Amino acid sequence: MEGKSTQSTFGVTFARDTRDSIFDPTEGSKNSINLELTGGPFMGNVDIYKVNLKSAYNFTLFNIGKDYPIVLMIGQRAGSVKSYGRTHLVPAYERIFLGGADTVRGYETTGQIGPETGGEIYYIGNVELKFPIAREGRRTMAQLAAFFDIGNSWKNLSDVRFKTGANVGDFKMGVGFGLRIVTPSLPIRLDWGYGLNHKSGEKRGYIYFSMANLF
């Protein structure tokens, strides 16, 4: 729908971070809840609210040699965006589209996961096993990673199907491997993901480049 909109948003995030490193954690966790309110008392002509929950735990399974930690990361995210007041439908640009480098790898963000017009609730689970291949002192410079992702987005809770498959409401899974390079200023990720629950005719493997951690 064509037109103009004006948005004014107030948000707050509560977080607890016990990781031993921001860019290359080997132990500890980060848990957060983010709340956002758009419109209403903050004016504008778009009324929506968002809730996002994130949780990630890092475990050193064992060390190779003196100081080459094999690290397991388990992360989960869930949230929703809903309209209220004067806004009857969540704007398309605020809806949830999964896929790509940061959610469920092995899929594009163009409607391969969830409703083609975008979802309003979502769940994502990520598991990564990381193997250092170059260390400098106690700092990882490069590492390999193997990963498993699962998730989906839905319009309503009643649309959730607690099974994996190619149907719109089913959970979608992806697996793959990647390279991590940790610089003093930012982490770099290069991943290849393969989707396990594609519809017939869809491409199944994708390469992703990102300059940020997954969590």
N, C-alpha and C. Protein backbone atom coordinates (compact mmCIF):
# COMPACT_ATOMS: atom_id res chain seq x y z
N MET A 1 0.85 -1.19 0.00
CA MET A 1 0.00 0.00 0.00
C MET A 1 0.89 1.25 0.00
N GLU A 2 0.62 2.20 -0.90
CA GLU A 2 1.41 3.41 -0.97
C GLU A 2 0.96 4.38 0.11
N GLY A 3 1.86 5.28 0.46
CA GLY A 3 1.53 6.28 1.46
C GLY A 3 2.74 6.62 2.30
N LYS A 4 2.55 7.52 3.25
CA LYS A 4 3.61 7.94 4.14
C LYS A 4 3.24 7.60 5.58
N SER A 5 4.27 7.36 6.37
CA SER A 5 4.04 7.08 7.78
C SER A 5 5.08 7.80 8.62
N THR A 6 4.70 8.11 9.83
CA THR A 6 5.61 8.74 10.79
C THR A 6 5.63 7.88 12.04
N GLN A 7 6.84 7.46 12.46
CA GLN A 7 6.96 6.58 13.61
C GLN A 7 7.82 7.23 14.69
N SER A 8 7.37 7.05 15.93
CA SER A 8 8.14 7.47 17.09
C SER A 8 8.15 6.30 18.07
N THR A 9 9.35 5.84 18.44
CA THR A 9 9.47 4.60 19.20
C THR A 9 10.26 4.81 20.48
N PHE A 10 9.80 4.17 21.55
CA PHE A 10 10.54 4.10 22.80
C PHE A 10 10.86 2.64 23.08
N GLY A 11 12.12 2.36 23.36
CA GLY A 11 12.52 0.99 23.62
C GLY A 11 13.41 0.88 24.83
N VAL A 12 13.41 -0.29 25.44
CA VAL A 12 14.26 -0.56 26.59
C VAL A 12 14.75 -2.00 26.50
N THR A 13 16.00 -2.23 26.86
CA THR A 13 16.59 -3.57 26.84
C THR A 13 17.19 -3.88 28.21
N PHE A 14 16.85 -5.03 28.74
CA PHE A 14 17.44 -5.54 29.97
C PHE A 14 18.32 -6.73 29.59
N ALA A 15 19.58 -6.71 30.01
CA ALA A 15 20.51 -7.76 29.60
C ALA A 15 21.44 -8.14 30.75
N ARG A 16 21.85 -9.40 30.74
CA ARG A 16 22.88 -9.90 31.66
C ARG A 16 23.91 -10.65 30.83
N ASP A 17 25.15 -10.21 30.90
CA ASP A 17 26.21 -10.75 30.06
C ASP A 17 27.36 -11.23 30.94
N THR A 18 27.62 -12.55 30.94
CA THR A 18 28.71 -13.11 31.73
C THR A 18 29.78 -13.74 30.84
N ARG A 19 29.79 -13.44 29.56
CA ARG A 19 30.77 -14.01 28.64
C ARG A 19 32.18 -13.54 28.98
N ASP A 20 33.16 -14.40 28.72
CA ASP A 20 34.55 -14.02 28.98
C ASP A 20 35.15 -13.20 27.85
N SER A 21 34.43 -13.06 26.73
CA SER A 21 34.88 -12.23 25.61
C SER A 21 33.67 -11.85 24.77
N ILE A 22 33.65 -10.62 24.28
CA ILE A 22 32.53 -10.18 23.44
C ILE A 22 32.60 -10.82 22.06
N PHE A 23 33.80 -10.83 21.44
CA PHE A 23 33.95 -11.31 20.08
C PHE A 23 34.23 -12.80 20.00
N ASP A 24 34.84 -13.38 21.04
CA ASP A 24 35.25 -14.78 20.97
C ASP A 24 35.00 -15.47 22.31
N PRO A 25 33.73 -15.62 22.72
CA PRO A 25 33.45 -16.22 24.03
C PRO A 25 33.74 -17.72 24.06
N THR A 26 34.31 -18.17 25.16
CA THR A 26 34.53 -19.60 25.39
C THR A 26 33.73 -20.10 26.57
N GLU A 27 33.27 -19.19 27.42
CA GLU A 27 32.45 -19.52 28.58
C GLU A 27 31.48 -18.38 28.83
N GLY A 28 30.40 -18.67 29.53
CA GLY A 28 29.47 -17.62 29.93
C GLY A 28 28.26 -17.52 29.03
N SER A 29 27.38 -16.60 29.36
CA SER A 29 26.10 -16.47 28.64
C SER A 29 25.72 -15.01 28.49
N LYS A 30 24.80 -14.78 27.57
CA LYS A 30 24.18 -13.47 27.41
C LYS A 30 22.68 -13.68 27.25
N ASN A 31 21.91 -13.05 28.13
CA ASN A 31 20.46 -13.16 28.10
C ASN A 31 19.87 -11.76 28.11
N SER A 32 18.86 -11.53 27.27
CA SER A 32 18.30 -10.19 27.20
C SER A 32 16.83 -10.24 26.83
N ILE A 33 16.13 -9.17 27.20
CA ILE A 33 14.75 -8.94 26.76
C ILE A 33 14.66 -7.50 26.29
N ASN A 34 14.08 -7.32 25.12
CA ASN A 34 13.94 -6.00 24.52
C ASN A 34 12.46 -5.71 24.31
N LEU A 35 12.02 -4.53 24.75
CA LEU A 35 10.63 -4.10 24.60
C LEU A 35 10.61 -2.78 23.85
N GLU A 36 9.73 -2.68 22.85
CA GLU A 36 9.60 -1.45 22.08
C GLU A 36 8.13 -1.10 21.91
N LEU A 37 7.83 0.18 22.08
CA LEU A 37 6.48 0.69 21.85
C LEU A 37 6.56 1.83 20.85
N THR A 38 5.84 1.67 19.74
CA THR A 38 5.78 2.68 18.70
C THR A 38 4.39 3.30 18.67
N GLY A 39 4.33 4.62 18.58
CA GLY A 39 3.05 5.31 18.52
C GLY A 39 2.42 5.46 19.89
N GLY A 40 1.09 5.48 19.93
CA GLY A 40 0.40 5.65 21.21
C GLY A 40 0.81 6.97 21.85
N PRO A 41 1.33 6.92 23.09
CA PRO A 41 1.73 8.16 23.77
C PRO A 41 2.95 8.83 23.15
N PHE A 42 3.64 8.12 22.25
CA PHE A 42 4.85 8.69 21.63
C PHE A 42 4.57 9.28 20.26
N MET A 43 3.28 9.39 19.94
CA MET A 43 2.83 10.07 18.73
C MET A 43 3.20 9.30 17.47
N GLY A 44 3.23 9.96 16.31
CA GLY A 44 3.36 9.26 15.05
C GLY A 44 2.02 8.70 14.62
N ASN A 45 1.98 8.02 13.47
CA ASN A 45 0.72 7.45 12.99
C ASN A 45 0.82 5.94 12.78
N VAL A 46 1.81 5.29 13.38
CA VAL A 46 1.93 3.84 13.36
C VAL A 46 1.96 3.35 14.80
N ASP A 47 1.04 2.45 15.14
CA ASP A 47 0.94 1.91 16.50
C ASP A 47 1.28 0.43 16.49
N ILE A 48 2.47 0.08 16.97
CA ILE A 48 2.87 -1.33 17.09
C ILE A 48 3.72 -1.49 18.35
N TYR A 49 3.85 -2.73 18.80
CA TYR A 49 4.77 -3.01 19.90
C TYR A 49 5.52 -4.30 19.59
N LYS A 50 6.75 -4.39 20.13
CA LYS A 50 7.62 -5.53 19.88
C LYS A 50 8.16 -6.08 21.19
N VAL A 51 8.30 -7.40 21.22
CA VAL A 51 8.95 -8.09 22.34
C VAL A 51 9.96 -9.06 21.74
N ASN A 52 11.21 -9.01 22.20
CA ASN A 52 12.25 -9.92 21.71
C ASN A 52 13.04 -10.49 22.88
N LEU A 53 13.16 -11.80 22.91
CA LEU A 53 13.93 -12.50 23.94
C LEU A 53 15.12 -13.18 23.28
N LYS A 54 16.30 -13.06 23.89
CA LYS A 54 17.50 -13.70 23.36
C LYS A 54 18.27 -14.36 24.49
N SER A 55 18.82 -15.54 24.19
CA SER A 55 19.59 -16.27 25.18
C SER A 55 20.67 -17.08 24.47
N ALA A 56 21.91 -16.96 24.91
CA ALA A 56 23.00 -17.73 24.31
C ALA A 56 23.97 -18.17 25.40
N TYR A 57 24.35 -19.45 25.36
CA TYR A 57 25.28 -20.02 26.33
C TYR A 57 26.48 -20.60 25.60
N ASN A 58 27.66 -20.39 26.16
CA ASN A 58 28.91 -20.88 25.59
C ASN A 58 29.58 -21.84 26.58
N PHE A 59 30.03 -22.98 26.06
CA PHE A 59 30.67 -24.00 26.89
C PHE A 59 31.96 -24.46 26.22
N THR A 60 33.06 -24.50 26.96
CA THR A 60 34.28 -25.14 26.47
C THR A 60 34.18 -26.63 26.76
N LEU A 61 34.07 -27.44 25.71
CA LEU A 61 33.92 -28.88 25.89
C LEU A 61 35.22 -29.52 26.33
N PHE A 62 36.32 -29.11 25.69
CA PHE A 62 37.65 -29.58 26.07
C PHE A 62 38.69 -28.75 25.33
N ASN A 63 39.94 -28.88 25.72
CA ASN A 63 41.04 -28.18 25.07
C ASN A 63 41.94 -29.16 24.32
N ILE A 64 42.37 -28.75 23.14
CA ILE A 64 43.37 -29.51 22.39
C ILE A 64 44.73 -28.89 22.71
N GLY A 65 45.64 -29.69 23.20
CA GLY A 65 46.91 -29.14 23.60
C GLY A 65 46.73 -28.26 24.83
N LYS A 66 47.49 -27.19 24.90
CA LYS A 66 47.46 -26.33 26.07
C LYS A 66 46.29 -25.37 26.07
N ASP A 67 46.00 -24.78 24.92
CA ASP A 67 45.00 -23.71 24.92
C ASP A 67 44.29 -23.57 23.58
N TYR A 68 43.74 -24.67 23.06
CA TYR A 68 42.91 -24.63 21.86
C TYR A 68 41.52 -25.14 22.23
N PRO A 69 40.63 -24.25 22.75
CA PRO A 69 39.33 -24.69 23.26
C PRO A 69 38.35 -25.04 22.15
N ILE A 70 37.66 -26.16 22.31
CA ILE A 70 36.54 -26.53 21.44
C ILE A 70 35.28 -26.05 22.14
N VAL A 71 34.58 -25.10 21.50
CA VAL A 71 33.49 -24.37 22.16
C VAL A 71 32.15 -24.72 21.52
N LEU A 72 31.16 -24.98 22.37
CA LEU A 72 29.79 -25.21 21.93
C LEU A 72 28.95 -24.00 22.33
N MET A 73 28.25 -23.41 21.35
CA MET A 73 27.33 -22.31 21.61
C MET A 73 25.91 -22.76 21.33
N ILE A 74 25.01 -22.54 22.29
CA ILE A 74 23.59 -22.85 22.12
C ILE A 74 22.80 -21.57 22.32
N GLY A 75 22.06 -21.14 21.30
CA GLY A 75 21.32 -19.89 21.38
C GLY A 75 19.87 -20.06 20.99
N GLN A 76 19.02 -19.23 21.57
CA GLN A 76 17.60 -19.22 21.24
C GLN A 76 17.10 -17.78 21.19
N ARG A 77 16.17 -17.54 20.27
CA ARG A 77 15.53 -16.23 20.16
C ARG A 77 14.05 -16.43 19.89
N ALA A 78 13.25 -15.57 20.46
CA ALA A 78 11.81 -15.60 20.21
C ALA A 78 11.27 -14.19 20.39
N GLY A 79 10.18 -13.91 19.70
CA GLY A 79 9.61 -12.58 19.83
C GLY A 79 8.37 -12.39 18.99
N SER A 80 7.86 -11.17 19.04
CA SER A 80 6.65 -10.87 18.29
C SER A 80 6.58 -9.38 17.99
N VAL A 81 5.83 -9.04 16.95
CA VAL A 81 5.48 -7.67 16.65
C VAL A 81 3.98 -7.65 16.40
N LYS A 82 3.27 -6.75 17.06
CA LYS A 82 1.82 -6.70 16.95
C LYS A 82 1.35 -5.25 16.82
N SER A 83 0.20 -5.09 16.19
CA SER A 83 -0.39 -3.76 16.03
C SER A 83 -1.44 -3.51 17.11
N TYR A 84 -1.73 -2.24 17.34
CA TYR A 84 -2.77 -1.86 18.30
C TYR A 84 -3.29 -0.48 17.90
N GLY A 85 -4.30 -0.03 18.59
CA GLY A 85 -4.80 1.33 18.38
C GLY A 85 -5.25 1.58 16.96
N ARG A 86 -4.68 2.61 16.34
CA ARG A 86 -5.09 3.03 15.00
C ARG A 86 -4.57 2.12 13.91
N THR A 87 -3.56 1.31 14.21
CA THR A 87 -2.95 0.45 13.20
C THR A 87 -3.58 -0.93 13.26
N HIS A 88 -4.23 -1.35 12.19
CA HIS A 88 -4.94 -2.63 12.16
C HIS A 88 -4.07 -3.77 11.62
N LEU A 89 -3.07 -3.45 10.80
CA LEU A 89 -2.15 -4.45 10.26
C LEU A 89 -0.72 -3.98 10.49
N VAL A 90 0.14 -4.89 10.90
CA VAL A 90 1.56 -4.56 11.05
C VAL A 90 2.12 -4.20 9.68
N PRO A 91 2.77 -3.04 9.53
CA PRO A 91 3.33 -2.66 8.22
C PRO A 91 4.29 -3.73 7.71
N ALA A 92 4.35 -3.90 6.40
CA ALA A 92 5.18 -4.95 5.81
C ALA A 92 6.64 -4.82 6.21
N TYR A 93 7.14 -3.59 6.32
CA TYR A 93 8.55 -3.38 6.65
C TYR A 93 8.86 -3.70 8.11
N GLU A 94 7.84 -3.92 8.93
CA GLU A 94 8.06 -4.28 10.34
C GLU A 94 7.82 -5.77 10.60
N ARG A 95 7.35 -6.50 9.60
CA ARG A 95 7.09 -7.93 9.80
C ARG A 95 8.39 -8.73 9.80
N ILE A 96 8.28 -9.97 10.19
CA ILE A 96 9.45 -10.82 10.42
C ILE A 96 9.71 -11.70 9.21
N PHE A 97 10.92 -11.59 8.64
CA PHE A 97 11.35 -12.43 7.54
C PHE A 97 12.64 -13.13 7.97
N LEU A 98 12.59 -14.45 8.07
CA LEU A 98 13.75 -15.22 8.49
C LEU A 98 14.53 -15.73 7.28
N GLY A 99 15.72 -16.23 7.55
CA GLY A 99 16.64 -16.65 6.51
C GLY A 99 17.84 -15.71 6.48
N GLY A 100 18.83 -16.03 5.69
CA GLY A 100 20.01 -15.19 5.63
C GLY A 100 21.06 -15.57 6.65
N ALA A 101 22.04 -14.69 6.87
CA ALA A 101 23.23 -15.01 7.65
C ALA A 101 22.98 -15.08 9.15
N ASP A 102 21.92 -14.44 9.65
CA ASP A 102 21.79 -14.25 11.09
C ASP A 102 20.63 -14.99 11.75
N THR A 103 19.88 -15.79 10.99
CA THR A 103 18.73 -16.48 11.61
C THR A 103 18.79 -17.98 11.32
N VAL A 104 18.14 -18.43 10.24
CA VAL A 104 18.19 -19.84 9.84
C VAL A 104 18.93 -19.92 8.52
N ARG A 105 20.19 -20.33 8.56
CA ARG A 105 21.02 -20.36 7.37
C ARG A 105 20.64 -21.53 6.47
N GLY A 106 20.81 -21.32 5.16
CA GLY A 106 20.37 -22.29 4.17
C GLY A 106 19.10 -21.86 3.47
N TYR A 107 18.64 -20.63 3.77
CA TYR A 107 17.40 -20.10 3.18
C TYR A 107 17.60 -18.62 2.88
N GLU A 108 16.84 -18.12 1.89
CA GLU A 108 16.80 -16.70 1.61
C GLU A 108 15.73 -16.04 2.48
N THR A 109 15.78 -14.71 2.55
CA THR A 109 14.80 -13.96 3.34
C THR A 109 13.56 -13.61 2.52
N THR A 110 13.45 -14.12 1.30
CA THR A 110 12.35 -13.74 0.41
C THR A 110 11.20 -14.75 0.47
N GLY A 111 10.73 -15.05 1.65
CA GLY A 111 9.55 -15.89 1.79
C GLY A 111 9.78 -17.37 1.80
N GLN A 112 11.04 -17.83 1.90
CA GLN A 112 11.29 -19.26 1.97
C GLN A 112 10.98 -19.83 3.35
N ILE A 113 10.94 -18.96 4.36
CA ILE A 113 10.57 -19.38 5.72
C ILE A 113 9.39 -18.53 6.17
N GLY A 114 8.33 -19.18 6.61
CA GLY A 114 7.17 -18.46 7.12
C GLY A 114 6.28 -17.90 6.02
N PRO A 115 5.30 -17.08 6.39
CA PRO A 115 4.39 -16.49 5.40
C PRO A 115 5.14 -15.63 4.39
N GLU A 116 4.72 -15.66 3.15
CA GLU A 116 5.40 -14.88 2.11
C GLU A 116 5.33 -13.38 2.39
N THR A 117 4.29 -12.94 3.08
CA THR A 117 4.14 -11.51 3.40
C THR A 117 4.75 -11.17 4.76
N GLY A 118 5.42 -12.12 5.39
CA GLY A 118 6.07 -11.86 6.67
C GLY A 118 5.25 -12.31 7.85
N GLY A 119 5.93 -12.72 8.91
CA GLY A 119 5.26 -13.18 10.12
C GLY A 119 5.20 -12.11 11.19
N GLU A 120 4.52 -12.45 12.29
CA GLU A 120 4.40 -11.53 13.42
C GLU A 120 4.91 -12.14 14.72
N ILE A 121 5.21 -13.43 14.73
CA ILE A 121 5.88 -14.07 15.84
C ILE A 121 6.95 -14.99 15.27
N TYR A 122 7.97 -15.31 16.08
CA TYR A 122 9.03 -16.15 15.54
C TYR A 122 9.74 -16.89 16.67
N TYR A 123 10.43 -17.95 16.26
CA TYR A 123 11.35 -18.67 17.14
C TYR A 123 12.55 -19.09 16.30
N ILE A 124 13.76 -18.96 16.87
CA ILE A 124 14.99 -19.40 16.21
C ILE A 124 15.86 -20.10 17.23
N GLY A 125 16.40 -21.25 16.86
CA GLY A 125 17.39 -21.94 17.66
C GLY A 125 18.66 -22.15 16.86
N ASN A 126 19.80 -21.87 17.47
CA ASN A 126 21.10 -22.01 16.78
C ASN A 126 22.07 -22.79 17.66
N VAL A 127 22.77 -23.73 17.06
CA VAL A 127 23.83 -24.47 17.75
C VAL A 127 25.08 -24.39 16.89
N GLU A 128 26.20 -23.98 17.49
CA GLU A 128 27.47 -23.91 16.77
C GLU A 128 28.56 -24.63 17.56
N LEU A 129 29.37 -25.39 16.86
CA LEU A 129 30.55 -26.03 17.43
C LEU A 129 31.77 -25.41 16.75
N LYS A 130 32.64 -24.78 17.55
CA LYS A 130 33.74 -23.98 16.99
C LYS A 130 35.09 -24.60 17.33
N PHE A 131 35.96 -24.66 16.28
CA PHE A 131 37.28 -25.27 16.40
C PHE A 131 38.34 -24.23 16.05
N PRO A 132 39.18 -23.78 16.98
CA PRO A 132 40.20 -22.79 16.64
C PRO A 132 41.28 -23.39 15.75
N ILE A 133 41.71 -22.63 14.75
CA ILE A 133 42.79 -23.09 13.86
C ILE A 133 44.01 -22.17 13.95
N ALA A 134 43.84 -21.00 14.56
CA ALA A 134 44.97 -20.09 14.77
C ALA A 134 44.72 -19.28 16.04
N ARG A 135 45.71 -19.32 16.95
CA ARG A 135 45.61 -18.59 18.21
C ARG A 135 46.87 -17.75 18.42
N GLU A 136 46.68 -16.63 19.08
CA GLU A 136 47.78 -15.77 19.48
C GLU A 136 47.64 -15.52 20.97
N GLY A 137 48.45 -16.20 21.77
CA GLY A 137 48.24 -16.15 23.21
C GLY A 137 46.92 -16.81 23.56
N ARG A 138 46.05 -16.07 24.23
CA ARG A 138 44.73 -16.58 24.59
C ARG A 138 43.63 -16.04 23.66
N ARG A 139 44.05 -15.44 22.55
CA ARG A 139 43.07 -14.86 21.62
C ARG A 139 43.00 -15.68 20.34
N THR A 140 41.78 -16.03 19.96
CA THR A 140 41.57 -16.75 18.71
C THR A 140 41.65 -15.79 17.54
N MET A 141 42.41 -16.15 16.53
CA MET A 141 42.51 -15.34 15.32
C MET A 141 41.62 -15.90 14.20
N ALA A 142 41.51 -17.23 14.14
CA ALA A 142 40.67 -17.87 13.12
C ALA A 142 40.15 -19.19 13.68
N GLN A 143 38.95 -19.56 13.29
CA GLN A 143 38.36 -20.82 13.73
C GLN A 143 37.37 -21.33 12.70
N LEU A 144 37.20 -22.63 12.69
CA LEU A 144 36.17 -23.26 11.87
C LEU A 144 34.93 -23.50 12.74
N ALA A 145 33.77 -23.55 12.10
CA ALA A 145 32.52 -23.76 12.84
C ALA A 145 31.61 -24.69 12.05
N ALA A 146 30.91 -25.55 12.76
CA ALA A 146 29.82 -26.35 12.20
C ALA A 146 28.56 -25.93 12.92
N PHE A 147 27.43 -25.83 12.20
CA PHE A 147 26.24 -25.30 12.84
C PHE A 147 24.97 -26.03 12.43
N PHE A 148 23.97 -25.88 13.29
CA PHE A 148 22.61 -26.36 13.05
C PHE A 148 21.65 -25.26 13.46
N ASP A 149 20.72 -24.90 12.57
CA ASP A 149 19.72 -23.86 12.84
C ASP A 149 18.32 -24.43 12.66
N ILE A 150 17.39 -23.90 13.44
CA ILE A 150 15.98 -24.28 13.29
C ILE A 150 15.12 -23.07 13.65
N GLY A 151 14.00 -22.91 12.96
CA GLY A 151 13.12 -21.79 13.29
C GLY A 151 12.03 -21.58 12.27
N ASN A 152 11.19 -20.62 12.55
CA ASN A 152 10.13 -20.22 11.62
C ASN A 152 9.47 -18.96 12.15
N SER A 153 8.66 -18.34 11.32
CA SER A 153 7.81 -17.23 11.75
C SER A 153 6.37 -17.55 11.36
N TRP A 154 5.44 -16.98 12.11
CA TRP A 154 4.02 -17.26 11.90
C TRP A 154 3.22 -15.98 12.09
N LYS A 155 2.01 -15.99 11.59
CA LYS A 155 1.10 -14.87 11.79
C LYS A 155 0.54 -14.88 13.21
N ASN A 156 0.12 -16.06 13.66
CA ASN A 156 -0.46 -16.21 14.99
C ASN A 156 0.04 -17.50 15.64
N LEU A 157 -0.09 -17.61 16.94
CA LEU A 157 0.32 -18.82 17.64
C LEU A 157 -0.42 -20.05 17.14
N SER A 158 -1.67 -19.87 16.72
CA SER A 158 -2.45 -21.00 16.23
C SER A 158 -1.91 -21.58 14.93
N ASP A 159 -1.01 -20.84 14.25
CA ASP A 159 -0.43 -21.31 13.00
C ASP A 159 0.79 -22.19 13.21
N VAL A 160 1.30 -22.24 14.45
CA VAL A 160 2.53 -22.99 14.72
C VAL A 160 2.27 -24.49 14.58
N ARG A 161 3.13 -25.16 13.84
CA ARG A 161 3.08 -26.62 13.69
C ARG A 161 4.35 -27.19 14.30
N PHE A 162 4.19 -28.01 15.33
CA PHE A 162 5.34 -28.53 16.07
C PHE A 162 5.93 -29.75 15.37
N LYS A 163 6.35 -29.50 14.13
CA LYS A 163 7.05 -30.52 13.35
C LYS A 163 7.88 -29.81 12.29
N THR A 164 8.84 -30.52 11.73
CA THR A 164 9.65 -29.94 10.66
C THR A 164 9.11 -30.39 9.32
N GLY A 165 9.26 -29.55 8.31
CA GLY A 165 8.77 -29.89 6.98
C GLY A 165 8.77 -28.68 6.07
N ALA A 166 8.24 -28.86 4.88
CA ALA A 166 8.24 -27.81 3.86
C ALA A 166 7.00 -26.93 3.90
N ASN A 167 5.98 -27.29 4.70
CA ASN A 167 4.78 -26.48 4.78
C ASN A 167 5.06 -25.15 5.48
N VAL A 168 4.22 -24.16 5.23
CA VAL A 168 4.45 -22.80 5.72
C VAL A 168 4.59 -22.77 7.24
N GLY A 169 3.76 -23.50 7.96
CA GLY A 169 3.79 -23.45 9.42
C GLY A 169 4.81 -24.36 10.07
N ASP A 170 5.51 -25.19 9.29
CA ASP A 170 6.48 -26.14 9.85
C ASP A 170 7.79 -25.45 10.19
N PHE A 171 8.48 -26.00 11.19
CA PHE A 171 9.82 -25.53 11.48
C PHE A 171 10.77 -25.89 10.33
N LYS A 172 11.68 -24.98 10.03
CA LYS A 172 12.67 -25.19 8.98
C LYS A 172 14.05 -25.38 9.61
N MET A 173 14.82 -26.34 9.09
CA MET A 173 16.14 -26.63 9.62
C MET A 173 17.21 -26.36 8.57
N GLY A 174 18.39 -25.97 9.04
CA GLY A 174 19.53 -25.77 8.16
C GLY A 174 20.80 -26.21 8.85
N VAL A 175 21.75 -26.72 8.07
CA VAL A 175 23.04 -27.13 8.60
C VAL A 175 24.13 -26.53 7.73
N GLY A 176 25.36 -26.53 8.23
CA GLY A 176 26.45 -26.02 7.41
C GLY A 176 27.73 -25.85 8.19
N PHE A 177 28.67 -25.16 7.57
CA PHE A 177 29.96 -24.92 8.21
C PHE A 177 30.46 -23.55 7.79
N GLY A 178 31.44 -23.05 8.53
CA GLY A 178 31.92 -21.72 8.21
C GLY A 178 33.29 -21.43 8.77
N LEU A 179 33.79 -20.24 8.44
CA LEU A 179 35.08 -19.74 8.91
C LEU A 179 34.84 -18.48 9.72
N ARG A 180 35.51 -18.38 10.88
CA ARG A 180 35.43 -17.20 11.72
C ARG A 180 36.81 -16.57 11.81
N ILE A 181 36.88 -15.27 11.56
CA ILE A 181 38.12 -14.51 11.71
C ILE A 181 37.85 -13.40 12.73
N VAL A 182 38.64 -13.39 13.79
CA VAL A 182 38.43 -12.42 14.86
C VAL A 182 39.50 -11.34 14.76
N THR A 183 39.09 -10.11 14.43
CA THR A 183 39.99 -8.97 14.37
C THR A 183 39.87 -8.18 15.67
N PRO A 184 40.78 -7.24 15.93
CA PRO A 184 40.67 -6.44 17.16
C PRO A 184 39.41 -5.58 17.22
N SER A 185 38.81 -5.28 16.07
CA SER A 185 37.67 -4.37 16.06
C SER A 185 36.33 -5.04 15.79
N LEU A 186 36.32 -6.17 15.09
CA LEU A 186 35.05 -6.84 14.79
C LEU A 186 35.31 -8.27 14.33
N PRO A 187 34.30 -9.14 14.52
CA PRO A 187 34.41 -10.52 14.02
C PRO A 187 33.88 -10.61 12.59
N ILE A 188 34.46 -11.52 11.81
CA ILE A 188 34.03 -11.74 10.43
C ILE A 188 33.58 -13.19 10.31
N ARG A 189 32.40 -13.40 9.69
CA ARG A 189 31.86 -14.74 9.50
C ARG A 189 31.66 -15.02 8.02
N LEU A 190 32.11 -16.18 7.58
CA LEU A 190 31.82 -16.67 6.23
C LEU A 190 31.22 -18.06 6.38
N ASP A 191 29.94 -18.22 5.99
CA ASP A 191 29.21 -19.46 6.20
C ASP A 191 28.65 -20.02 4.90
N TRP A 192 28.57 -21.33 4.85
CA TRP A 192 27.79 -22.02 3.82
C TRP A 192 26.70 -22.80 4.52
N GLY A 193 25.43 -22.50 4.19
CA GLY A 193 24.30 -23.16 4.82
C GLY A 193 23.48 -23.94 3.83
N TYR A 194 22.98 -25.08 4.27
CA TYR A 194 22.17 -25.96 3.44
C TYR A 194 20.83 -26.18 4.12
N GLY A 195 19.73 -25.78 3.46
CA GLY A 195 18.40 -25.94 4.02
C GLY A 195 17.87 -27.35 3.87
N LEU A 196 17.33 -27.91 4.94
CA LEU A 196 16.84 -29.29 4.93
C LEU A 196 15.35 -29.40 4.63
N ASN A 197 14.62 -28.29 4.60
CA ASN A 197 13.17 -28.36 4.45
C ASN A 197 12.64 -27.42 3.38
N HIS A 198 13.34 -27.36 2.27
CA HIS A 198 12.91 -26.49 1.18
C HIS A 198 11.71 -27.08 0.43
N LYS A 199 10.97 -26.17 -0.19
CA LYS A 199 9.93 -26.59 -1.12
C LYS A 199 10.60 -27.02 -2.42
N SER A 200 9.89 -27.80 -3.20
CA SER A 200 10.42 -28.27 -4.48
C SER A 200 10.76 -27.08 -5.38
N GLY A 201 11.95 -27.13 -5.98
CA GLY A 201 12.37 -26.09 -6.90
C GLY A 201 13.18 -24.98 -6.29
N GLU A 202 13.25 -24.91 -4.96
CA GLU A 202 14.02 -23.86 -4.31
C GLU A 202 15.50 -24.25 -4.23
N LYS A 203 16.36 -23.26 -4.35
CA LYS A 203 17.79 -23.49 -4.14
C LYS A 203 18.02 -23.87 -2.68
N ARG A 204 18.93 -24.81 -2.43
CA ARG A 204 19.10 -25.34 -1.08
C ARG A 204 20.36 -24.85 -0.37
N GLY A 205 21.38 -24.41 -1.09
CA GLY A 205 22.62 -23.99 -0.47
C GLY A 205 22.94 -22.54 -0.73
N TYR A 206 23.41 -21.82 0.30
CA TYR A 206 23.73 -20.40 0.17
C TYR A 206 25.03 -20.08 0.91
N ILE A 207 25.76 -19.10 0.42
CA ILE A 207 26.95 -18.59 1.07
C ILE A 207 26.62 -17.23 1.68
N TYR A 208 27.09 -17.02 2.92
CA TYR A 208 26.79 -15.79 3.64
C TYR A 208 28.08 -15.16 4.15
N PHE A 209 28.15 -13.84 4.06
CA PHE A 209 29.27 -13.07 4.61
C PHE A 209 28.70 -12.05 5.58
N SER A 210 29.27 -11.99 6.78
CA SER A 210 28.76 -11.07 7.79
C SER A 210 29.90 -10.57 8.66
N MET A 211 29.79 -9.32 9.12
CA MET A 211 30.79 -8.73 10.01
C MET A 211 30.17 -8.48 11.38
N ALA A 212 29.68 -9.58 11.99
CA ALA A 212 29.09 -9.49 13.33
C ALA A 212 28.91 -10.90 13.85
N ASN A 213 28.92 -11.05 15.17
CA ASN A 213 28.63 -12.35 15.77
C ASN A 213 27.15 -12.68 15.63
N LEU A 214 26.82 -13.96 15.70
CA LEU A 214 25.44 -14.38 15.63
C LEU A 214 24.69 -13.89 16.86
N PHE A 215 25.35 -13.90 18.02
CA PHE A 215 24.77 -13.39 19.27
C PHE A 215 25.71 -12.37 19.88
